[in-house]
Amino acid sequence: MKRAHLLVLASTVSMIGWGTVLPYQYAYAANTRGWGGFVAAAASSLFSIGALVAAPVGGRLADRMSPVRVAVVARVLACVVSLALVVAGTPLTFLLGMLAFGLAITAAAPAQQVLVLRWSSGADRRRVFALVFSGQALGMAIGAFAAGYMVDLDQVHGMWPAFVTASAGFGLSGLLLAVAGRGVDASVPPVPESPAQQGSTGLALRAIWATPALRWTAVVTIALALAFYAQFESGLPAFALTVLDASERSIGTAAAVNCLVIIALQMAVVRWTATRSAPSLLVAVGLIWVLCWGMMSLATQLGPHGATLFVITFGVFAVGETMYAPVLNPLTASLAPEGMVGTTLGVFAALQTGVSAAGPMLAGLLLGSGLPGTFLLVHAGFAGIAVLGAWRLRAMLRGGPTLATFEDADPLPADEPDAYALAH
């Protein structure tokens, strides 16, 4: 568990810097630099496209070689790219920087998930996933709160402190991961692959399509990504700025509240949900997020108080996140083909980030066309699709043979090279 604790700390530190950038990147590109809403939305989309490319590659590398090495290299790249954004003085260089940022940050995600599976016992895995998510939320909250005092969106150079802080966070995170993995890589060979597994990510895609439970899990994953995460970085801030006339500081406060609610509730929710099925919890997430989009609609009718309800709604979104984060990855991993856990997790991460790439452009189209009501209705619909998909998945898993899950698996030795695959 000592390695798992360092992994949690590394995740937390990496998010401190990212938290200083995330709430303000849209306003920085659109208003501070004067590049307009299209460039700001395109930057978020390119970030997601970079993540789309990096996630399956990072997952496959985590299956074929040391996941510690994959995660550390990705963190170092994120450190370098963060500094490069300081000197990105044109729309083109900023867009390329955000593309590289998405590549670097997301390449580490599947490897980190594999490390959670390797460095925690069966009984603790859901708890460790929750701790990682809570640590990330804590880092994001600290970063978003601090950025309110560090960032000056009235100055061209006002985001430099945020980019430098992000660089320092990713660099320190990579160092912590290297320390946590010390002594593991030298003695543990990568997971061997059969000839059939030596194809590409396409094999994982075919396996997902051929397995009904994975197929429905993919539907839920995509719908939930569209229902919130695709709009978290730019769409919702743009909605607050253009429709609710909220200030940039209100947006940062909303991001901080979202993270603080996760921190406050996460472990209590993990205990409460310990005996409940993952699909049932995903149904609850979808219902909560339908409610949140209704609250956003109400905010448009409250005049100057709409910004306050916007902040509150971000806290309610977080209640759903506390159930979403600890169960989706273990559920996906439990259904993955043997020996392809990292690859499958990478594919699902790519699905999330890939559909998220369309989020900022969708927001720009609808909000730019003066259709905030349609913007809200469409995203409530995505949450409703997630509810229906999770309900179907629950019925399928109840009606079929019992499927082993990582949280129910027997404890496995942390130094076993393919220990995480033995839970199948």
Protein backbone atom coordinates (compact mmCIF):
# COMPACT_ATOMS: atom_id res chain seq x y z
CA MET A 1 0.00 0.00 0.00
CA LYS A 2 2.98 2.36 0.38
CA ARG A 3 3.34 2.43 -3.38
CA ALA A 4 -0.38 3.12 -3.73
CA HIS A 5 -0.11 6.03 -1.28
CA LEU A 6 2.70 7.57 -3.31
CA LEU A 7 0.59 7.08 -6.43
CA VAL A 8 -2.27 9.00 -4.79
CA LEU A 9 0.14 11.78 -3.79
CA ALA A 10 1.57 11.95 -7.32
CA SER A 11 -1.95 12.27 -8.77
CA THR A 12 -2.76 15.05 -6.31
CA VAL A 13 0.38 17.06 -7.08
CA SER A 14 -0.11 16.79 -10.84
CA MET A 15 -3.60 18.26 -10.53
CA ILE A 16 -2.53 21.28 -8.48
CA GLY A 17 -0.88 22.83 -11.50
CA TRP A 18 -3.57 21.72 -13.91
CA GLY A 19 -6.17 23.28 -11.60
CA THR A 20 -4.54 26.68 -12.03
CA VAL A 21 -4.93 26.42 -15.82
CA LEU A 22 -8.23 24.60 -16.38
CA PRO A 23 -10.83 27.15 -15.17
CA TYR A 24 -9.21 30.04 -17.00
CA GLN A 25 -7.93 28.69 -20.31
CA TYR A 26 -11.12 29.57 -22.23
CA ALA A 27 -11.27 33.16 -20.95
CA TYR A 28 -7.52 33.55 -21.46
CA ALA A 29 -7.62 32.55 -25.12
CA ALA A 30 -10.94 34.20 -25.99
CA ASN A 31 -10.68 37.47 -24.06
CA THR A 32 -7.20 38.11 -22.66
CA ARG A 33 -5.35 37.27 -25.87
CA GLY A 34 -8.24 38.48 -28.03
CA TRP A 35 -8.29 35.35 -30.17
CA GLY A 36 -12.04 34.86 -29.90
CA GLY A 37 -14.37 32.10 -28.80
CA PHE A 38 -13.64 29.90 -31.79
CA VAL A 39 -9.93 29.63 -30.98
CA ALA A 40 -10.73 29.07 -27.29
CA ALA A 41 -13.17 26.26 -28.12
CA ALA A 42 -10.77 24.80 -30.69
CA ALA A 43 -8.02 24.71 -28.05
CA SER A 44 -10.19 22.59 -25.78
CA SER A 45 -11.14 20.33 -28.69
CA LEU A 46 -7.50 19.88 -29.70
CA PHE A 47 -6.65 19.03 -26.10
CA SER A 48 -9.27 16.27 -26.28
CA ILE A 49 -8.04 15.10 -29.68
CA GLY A 50 -4.53 14.80 -28.26
CA ALA A 51 -5.98 12.78 -25.41
CA LEU A 52 -7.87 10.62 -27.92
CA VAL A 53 -4.62 9.71 -29.63
CA ALA A 54 -2.61 9.26 -26.43
CA ALA A 55 -5.01 7.18 -24.32
CA PRO A 56 -4.99 3.91 -26.32
CA VAL A 57 -1.27 4.26 -27.06
CA GLY A 58 -0.52 4.79 -23.38
CA GLY A 59 -2.71 1.83 -22.45
CA ARG A 60 -1.03 -0.48 -24.94
CA LEU A 61 2.43 0.60 -23.77
CA ALA A 62 1.35 -0.07 -20.18
CA ASP A 63 0.48 -3.65 -21.19
CA ARG A 64 3.70 -4.23 -23.12
CA MET A 65 6.28 -2.51 -20.91
CA SER A 66 6.66 -0.93 -17.49
CA PRO A 67 3.59 1.19 -16.64
CA VAL A 68 5.80 3.15 -14.22
CA ARG A 69 8.11 4.16 -17.05
CA VAL A 70 5.15 5.08 -19.28
CA ALA A 71 3.59 7.28 -16.59
CA VAL A 72 6.86 9.00 -15.66
CA VAL A 73 7.79 9.83 -19.27
CA ALA A 74 4.30 11.22 -19.89
CA ARG A 75 4.53 13.42 -16.77
CA VAL A 76 7.91 14.79 -17.90
CA LEU A 77 6.45 15.63 -21.31
CA ALA A 78 3.53 17.42 -19.63
CA CYS A 79 6.06 19.39 -17.57
CA VAL A 80 7.86 20.54 -20.71
CA VAL A 81 4.69 21.40 -22.63
CA SER A 82 3.37 23.47 -19.70
CA LEU A 83 6.45 25.67 -19.91
CA ALA A 84 6.11 25.88 -23.69
CA LEU A 85 2.63 27.41 -23.27
CA VAL A 86 4.29 30.40 -21.60
CA VAL A 87 5.84 31.41 -24.92
CA ALA A 88 2.83 30.46 -27.08
CA GLY A 89 2.14 33.95 -28.41
CA THR A 90 -0.02 33.21 -31.46
CA PRO A 91 -3.26 31.27 -31.93
CA LEU A 92 -1.41 28.57 -33.90
CA THR A 93 1.29 27.98 -31.28
CA PHE A 94 -1.32 27.98 -28.51
CA LEU A 95 -3.46 25.44 -30.37
CA LEU A 96 -0.45 23.21 -31.01
CA GLY A 97 0.53 23.55 -27.36
CA MET A 98 -2.90 22.46 -26.19
CA LEU A 99 -2.80 19.49 -28.56
CA ALA A 100 0.56 18.43 -27.09
CA PHE A 101 -0.78 19.06 -23.58
CA GLY A 102 -3.63 16.62 -24.20
CA LEU A 103 -1.18 14.03 -25.53
CA ALA A 104 1.15 14.32 -22.55
CA ILE A 105 -1.42 14.41 -19.76
CA THR A 106 -3.59 11.56 -21.01
CA ALA A 107 -0.80 9.16 -21.96
CA ALA A 108 -0.17 8.67 -18.24
CA ALA A 109 -3.80 7.87 -17.33
CA PRO A 110 -4.10 4.19 -18.41
CA ALA A 111 -0.66 3.38 -16.97
CA GLN A 112 -1.69 4.96 -13.68
CA GLN A 113 -4.89 2.89 -13.61
CA VAL A 114 -2.88 -0.28 -14.19
CA LEU A 115 -0.61 0.70 -11.30
CA VAL A 116 -3.64 1.05 -9.02
CA LEU A 117 -4.62 -2.50 -9.95
CA ARG A 118 -1.09 -3.81 -9.35
CA TRP A 119 -0.36 -1.94 -6.15
CA SER A 120 -3.59 -2.60 -4.26
CA SER A 121 -5.22 -5.79 -3.01
CA GLY A 122 -8.61 -6.96 -4.24
CA ALA A 123 -10.47 -5.68 -1.18
CA ASP A 124 -8.88 -2.24 -1.40
CA ARG A 125 -9.06 -1.51 -5.11
CA ARG A 126 -12.30 0.47 -5.16
CA ARG A 127 -11.04 2.48 -2.18
CA VAL A 128 -7.70 3.22 -3.87
CA PHE A 129 -9.42 4.30 -7.08
CA ALA A 130 -11.54 6.62 -4.93
CA LEU A 131 -8.46 7.96 -3.14
CA VAL A 132 -6.75 8.69 -6.45
CA PHE A 133 -9.84 10.53 -7.67
CA SER A 134 -10.19 12.43 -4.37
CA GLY A 135 -6.50 13.35 -4.50
CA GLN A 136 -6.94 14.69 -8.02
CA ALA A 137 -9.98 16.67 -6.86
CA LEU A 138 -8.01 18.08 -3.92
CA GLY A 139 -5.19 19.15 -6.22
CA MET A 140 -7.66 20.69 -8.65
CA ALA A 141 -9.39 22.60 -5.83
CA ILE A 142 -6.11 23.96 -4.47
CA GLY A 143 -4.99 24.99 -7.93
CA ALA A 144 -8.31 26.61 -8.89
CA PHE A 145 -8.50 28.52 -5.60
CA ALA A 146 -4.89 29.70 -5.79
CA ALA A 147 -5.33 30.72 -9.42
CA GLY A 148 -7.95 33.24 -8.39
CA TYR A 149 -5.09 35.19 -6.80
CA MET A 150 -2.31 34.25 -9.22
CA VAL A 151 -3.98 34.74 -12.59
CA ASP A 152 -4.67 38.21 -14.01
CA LEU A 153 -6.84 37.91 -17.09
CA ASP A 154 -6.46 41.63 -17.80
CA GLN A 155 -2.78 41.14 -18.64
CA VAL A 156 -1.32 39.26 -21.61
CA HIS A 157 1.19 37.60 -19.30
CA GLY A 158 -1.38 36.97 -16.58
CA MET A 159 -1.47 33.19 -17.13
CA TRP A 160 2.29 32.69 -16.88
CA PRO A 161 2.18 31.84 -13.14
CA ALA A 162 -0.43 29.16 -13.88
CA PHE A 163 1.61 27.56 -16.65
CA VAL A 164 4.77 27.56 -14.52
CA THR A 165 2.86 26.05 -11.57
CA ALA A 166 1.44 23.36 -13.85
CA SER A 167 4.94 22.52 -15.06
CA ALA A 168 6.24 22.21 -11.51
CA GLY A 169 3.30 20.00 -10.53
CA PHE A 170 3.78 17.57 -13.40
CA GLY A 171 7.53 17.42 -12.83
CA LEU A 172 7.14 16.62 -9.12
CA SER A 173 4.43 14.07 -9.93
CA GLY A 174 6.79 12.25 -12.30
CA LEU A 175 9.46 12.18 -9.59
CA LEU A 176 7.03 10.70 -7.04
CA LEU A 177 5.96 8.01 -9.50
CA ALA A 178 9.58 7.13 -10.18
CA VAL A 179 10.21 6.80 -6.43
CA ALA A 180 7.08 4.67 -5.98
CA GLY A 181 8.13 2.33 -8.80
CA ARG A 182 11.76 2.02 -7.70
CA GLY A 183 12.78 -1.63 -7.44
CA VAL A 184 9.76 -2.86 -9.39
CA ASP A 185 10.77 -2.42 -13.01
CA ALA A 186 14.12 -4.14 -12.60
CA SER A 187 12.62 -7.32 -11.23
CA VAL A 188 9.27 -7.52 -12.98
CA PRO A 189 9.16 -8.15 -16.74
CA PRO A 190 6.33 -6.72 -18.81
CA VAL A 191 3.20 -8.79 -19.26
CA PRO A 192 3.78 -11.35 -22.04
CA GLU A 193 1.41 -11.22 -24.96
CA SER A 194 0.07 -14.02 -27.05
CA PRO A 195 0.36 -13.69 -30.84
CA ALA A 196 -3.34 -12.82 -30.97
CA GLN A 197 -2.81 -9.99 -28.53
CA GLN A 198 0.05 -8.53 -30.53
CA GLY A 199 -2.32 -6.83 -32.92
CA SER A 200 -3.30 -3.28 -32.25
CA THR A 201 -5.88 -1.33 -30.34
CA GLY A 202 -8.28 -2.58 -33.01
CA LEU A 203 -8.29 -5.96 -31.25
CA ALA A 204 -9.57 -4.32 -28.07
CA LEU A 205 -12.21 -2.47 -30.09
CA ARG A 206 -13.37 -5.75 -31.64
CA ALA A 207 -13.47 -7.37 -28.21
CA ILE A 208 -15.58 -4.51 -26.87
CA TRP A 209 -17.99 -4.77 -29.78
CA ALA A 210 -18.23 -8.57 -29.42
CA THR A 211 -18.98 -8.43 -25.66
CA PRO A 212 -22.49 -7.07 -24.91
CA ALA A 213 -21.59 -5.97 -21.38
CA LEU A 214 -18.55 -4.05 -22.62
CA ARG A 215 -20.63 -2.59 -25.43
CA TRP A 216 -23.18 -1.18 -22.98
CA THR A 217 -20.40 -0.01 -20.69
CA ALA A 218 -19.02 1.91 -23.67
CA VAL A 219 -22.44 3.50 -24.27
CA VAL A 220 -22.63 4.62 -20.65
CA THR A 221 -19.03 5.89 -20.75
CA ILE A 222 -19.66 7.98 -23.87
CA ALA A 223 -23.01 9.34 -22.66
CA LEU A 224 -21.65 10.39 -19.27
CA ALA A 225 -18.64 12.01 -20.91
CA LEU A 226 -20.95 14.04 -23.15
CA ALA A 227 -23.30 14.83 -20.26
CA PHE A 228 -20.68 16.65 -18.19
CA TYR A 229 -16.97 16.17 -18.77
CA ALA A 230 -17.11 17.33 -22.40
CA GLN A 231 -18.37 20.72 -21.18
CA PHE A 232 -16.50 21.06 -17.88
CA GLU A 233 -13.44 22.79 -19.35
CA SER A 234 -14.98 25.24 -21.80
CA GLY A 235 -18.69 24.78 -22.54
CA LEU A 236 -19.96 25.42 -19.03
CA PRO A 237 -17.55 28.33 -18.41
CA ALA A 238 -18.67 29.80 -21.75
CA PHE A 239 -22.31 29.33 -20.73
CA ALA A 240 -21.62 31.13 -17.44
CA LEU A 241 -19.77 34.00 -19.14
CA THR A 242 -22.16 34.57 -22.04
CA VAL A 243 -25.57 33.57 -20.66
CA LEU A 244 -25.35 34.10 -16.89
CA ASP A 245 -22.94 37.06 -17.09
CA ALA A 246 -20.79 35.44 -14.41
CA SER A 247 -17.27 36.62 -13.62
CA GLU A 248 -14.11 34.62 -14.25
CA ARG A 249 -13.65 34.32 -10.48
CA SER A 250 -17.09 32.70 -10.19
CA ILE A 251 -15.97 30.09 -12.69
CA GLY A 252 -12.85 29.36 -10.65
CA THR A 253 -14.98 29.18 -7.51
CA ALA A 254 -17.33 26.71 -9.20
CA ALA A 255 -14.40 24.45 -10.14
CA ALA A 256 -13.07 24.63 -6.58
CA VAL A 257 -16.51 23.84 -5.09
CA ASN A 258 -16.83 20.87 -7.42
CA CYS A 259 -13.52 19.49 -6.18
CA LEU A 260 -14.18 20.23 -2.50
CA VAL A 261 -17.52 18.40 -2.58
CA ILE A 262 -15.74 15.37 -4.05
CA ILE A 263 -13.15 15.50 -1.27
CA ALA A 264 -15.80 15.88 1.45
CA LEU A 265 -18.04 13.05 0.24
CA GLN A 266 -15.81 10.59 -1.60
CA MET A 267 -14.84 8.15 1.17
CA ALA A 268 -18.31 8.22 2.76
CA VAL A 269 -19.83 7.46 -0.64
CA VAL A 270 -17.33 4.63 -1.19
CA ARG A 271 -18.39 3.04 2.09
CA TRP A 272 -22.07 3.53 1.30
CA THR A 273 -21.71 2.08 -2.20
CA ALA A 274 -19.41 -0.82 -1.24
CA THR A 275 -22.19 -3.43 -1.53
CA ARG A 276 -24.04 -1.86 -4.43
CA SER A 277 -23.54 -2.84 -8.05
CA ALA A 278 -21.59 -0.56 -10.37
CA PRO A 279 -24.41 -0.30 -12.98
CA SER A 280 -26.91 0.79 -10.30
CA LEU A 281 -24.53 3.52 -9.20
CA LEU A 282 -24.10 4.66 -12.81
CA VAL A 283 -27.90 4.92 -13.10
CA ALA A 284 -27.81 7.24 -10.08
CA VAL A 285 -25.03 9.33 -11.65
CA GLY A 286 -27.08 9.88 -14.79
CA LEU A 287 -30.17 10.90 -12.81
CA ILE A 288 -28.17 13.38 -10.71
CA TRP A 289 -26.73 14.95 -13.84
CA VAL A 290 -30.20 15.27 -15.42
CA LEU A 291 -31.14 17.23 -12.29
CA CYS A 292 -28.04 19.41 -12.68
CA TRP A 293 -28.96 20.48 -16.20
CA GLY A 294 -32.40 21.37 -14.90
CA MET A 295 -30.72 23.55 -12.26
CA MET A 296 -28.67 25.24 -14.99
CA SER A 297 -31.91 26.02 -16.81
CA LEU A 298 -33.31 27.57 -13.64
CA ALA A 299 -30.16 29.68 -13.29
CA THR A 300 -31.00 31.45 -16.56
CA GLN A 301 -34.16 32.80 -14.91
CA LEU A 302 -32.53 34.17 -11.76
CA GLY A 303 -30.74 37.23 -13.15
CA PRO A 304 -27.72 38.22 -11.02
CA HIS A 305 -28.29 35.23 -8.75
CA GLY A 306 -27.80 32.81 -11.64
CA ALA A 307 -24.04 32.75 -11.09
CA THR A 308 -24.60 31.59 -7.50
CA LEU A 309 -26.78 28.71 -8.65
CA PHE A 310 -24.13 27.90 -11.27
CA VAL A 311 -21.57 27.44 -8.48
CA ILE A 312 -24.01 25.32 -6.45
CA THR A 313 -24.78 23.16 -9.48
CA PHE A 314 -21.10 22.37 -9.92
CA GLY A 315 -21.21 21.00 -6.38
CA VAL A 316 -24.21 18.80 -7.26
CA PHE A 317 -22.41 17.54 -10.36
CA ALA A 318 -19.65 16.44 -7.96
CA VAL A 319 -22.06 14.22 -6.01
CA GLY A 320 -22.49 12.15 -9.15
CA GLU A 321 -18.75 12.14 -9.73
CA THR A 322 -18.12 10.56 -6.32
CA MET A 323 -20.07 7.50 -7.52
CA TYR A 324 -18.78 7.55 -11.07
CA ALA A 325 -15.03 7.57 -10.45
CA PRO A 326 -14.58 4.58 -8.09
CA VAL A 327 -16.71 2.15 -10.09
CA LEU A 328 -16.32 2.76 -13.83
CA ASN A 329 -12.65 1.79 -14.21
CA PRO A 330 -12.88 -1.35 -12.00
CA LEU A 331 -16.04 -2.38 -13.89
CA THR A 332 -14.33 -1.89 -17.25
CA ALA A 333 -11.22 -3.73 -16.09
CA SER A 334 -13.26 -6.67 -14.82
CA LEU A 335 -14.83 -7.10 -18.27
CA ALA A 336 -11.60 -6.62 -20.25
CA PRO A 337 -10.05 -9.49 -22.24
CA GLU A 338 -7.32 -11.27 -20.29
CA GLY A 339 -3.93 -9.66 -20.72
CA MET A 340 -5.44 -6.53 -22.26
CA VAL A 341 -6.53 -4.57 -19.20
CA GLY A 342 -4.32 -1.57 -19.92
CA THR A 343 -5.27 -1.55 -23.59
CA THR A 344 -8.99 -1.75 -22.79
CA LEU A 345 -8.76 1.00 -20.18
CA GLY A 346 -6.88 3.09 -22.74
CA VAL A 347 -9.58 2.52 -25.35
CA PHE A 348 -12.28 3.59 -22.89
CA ALA A 349 -10.25 6.66 -21.94
CA ALA A 350 -10.00 7.42 -25.65
CA LEU A 351 -13.77 7.06 -26.01
CA GLN A 352 -14.27 9.55 -23.19
CA THR A 353 -11.81 12.09 -24.48
CA GLY A 354 -12.69 11.53 -28.11
CA VAL A 355 -16.34 12.44 -27.68
CA SER A 356 -15.26 15.24 -25.37
CA ALA A 357 -13.42 16.79 -28.32
CA ALA A 358 -16.82 17.55 -29.84
CA GLY A 359 -18.06 19.18 -26.65
CA PRO A 360 -16.45 22.63 -26.98
CA MET A 361 -17.40 22.91 -30.65
CA LEU A 362 -21.00 21.91 -29.85
CA ALA A 363 -21.09 24.51 -27.10
CA GLY A 364 -19.63 27.14 -29.40
CA LEU A 365 -22.20 26.37 -32.11
CA LEU A 366 -25.24 26.43 -29.82
CA LEU A 367 -24.20 29.27 -27.53
CA GLY A 368 -22.80 31.30 -30.42
CA SER A 369 -26.14 30.91 -32.19
CA GLY A 370 -28.02 32.19 -29.16
CA LEU A 371 -29.52 28.81 -28.27
CA PRO A 372 -28.70 28.28 -24.58
CA GLY A 373 -31.96 26.38 -24.04
CA THR A 374 -31.01 23.86 -26.72
CA PHE A 375 -27.53 23.57 -25.19
CA LEU A 376 -29.07 22.63 -21.82
CA LEU A 377 -31.67 20.27 -23.30
CA VAL A 378 -29.15 18.36 -25.42
CA HIS A 379 -26.92 17.68 -22.44
CA ALA A 380 -29.81 16.64 -20.24
CA GLY A 381 -30.61 14.19 -23.03
CA PHE A 382 -27.08 12.77 -22.92
CA ALA A 383 -27.49 12.17 -19.19
CA GLY A 384 -30.81 10.45 -19.87
CA ILE A 385 -29.14 8.13 -22.40
CA ALA A 386 -26.58 7.23 -19.72
CA VAL A 387 -29.41 6.31 -17.35
CA LEU A 388 -31.00 4.02 -19.93
CA GLY A 389 -27.65 2.43 -20.85
CA ALA A 390 -26.69 1.77 -17.22
CA TRP A 391 -30.15 0.32 -16.55
CA ARG A 392 -29.71 -2.07 -19.50
CA LEU A 393 -26.23 -3.02 -18.30
CA ARG A 394 -27.55 -3.75 -14.81
CA ALA A 395 -30.24 -6.03 -16.20
CA MET A 396 -27.70 -7.82 -18.37
CA LEU A 397 -25.24 -8.50 -15.55
CA ARG A 398 -28.00 -9.63 -13.24
CA GLY A 399 -29.43 -11.97 -15.81
CA GLY A 400 -26.15 -13.56 -16.90
CA PRO A 401 -23.43 -15.48 -15.10
CA THR A 402 -21.71 -13.77 -12.19
CA LEU A 403 -18.76 -11.72 -13.36
CA ALA A 404 -15.69 -11.30 -11.18
CA THR A 405 -14.81 -7.72 -10.40
CA PHE A 406 -11.58 -6.26 -9.18
CA GLU A 407 -13.13 -5.05 -5.97
CA ASP A 408 -14.34 -8.59 -5.20
CA ALA A 409 -11.17 -10.40 -6.28
CA ASP A 410 -8.87 -12.10 -3.81
CA PRO A 411 -5.82 -10.08 -2.81
CA LEU A 412 -3.04 -10.52 -5.36
CA PRO A 413 0.69 -10.07 -4.96
CA ALA A 414 1.81 -6.60 -5.97
CA ASP A 415 4.96 -7.91 -7.59
CA GLU A 416 3.20 -10.42 -9.87
CA PRO A 417 3.71 -9.10 -13.43
CA ASP A 418 0.22 -9.94 -14.63
CA ALA A 419 -1.52 -10.03 -11.27
CA TYR A 420 -4.26 -7.65 -12.34
CA ALA A 421 -5.28 -10.01 -15.15
CA LEU A 422 -5.79 -12.92 -12.76
CA ALA A 423 -8.97 -11.38 -11.39
CA HIS A 424 -10.88 -12.60 -14.45
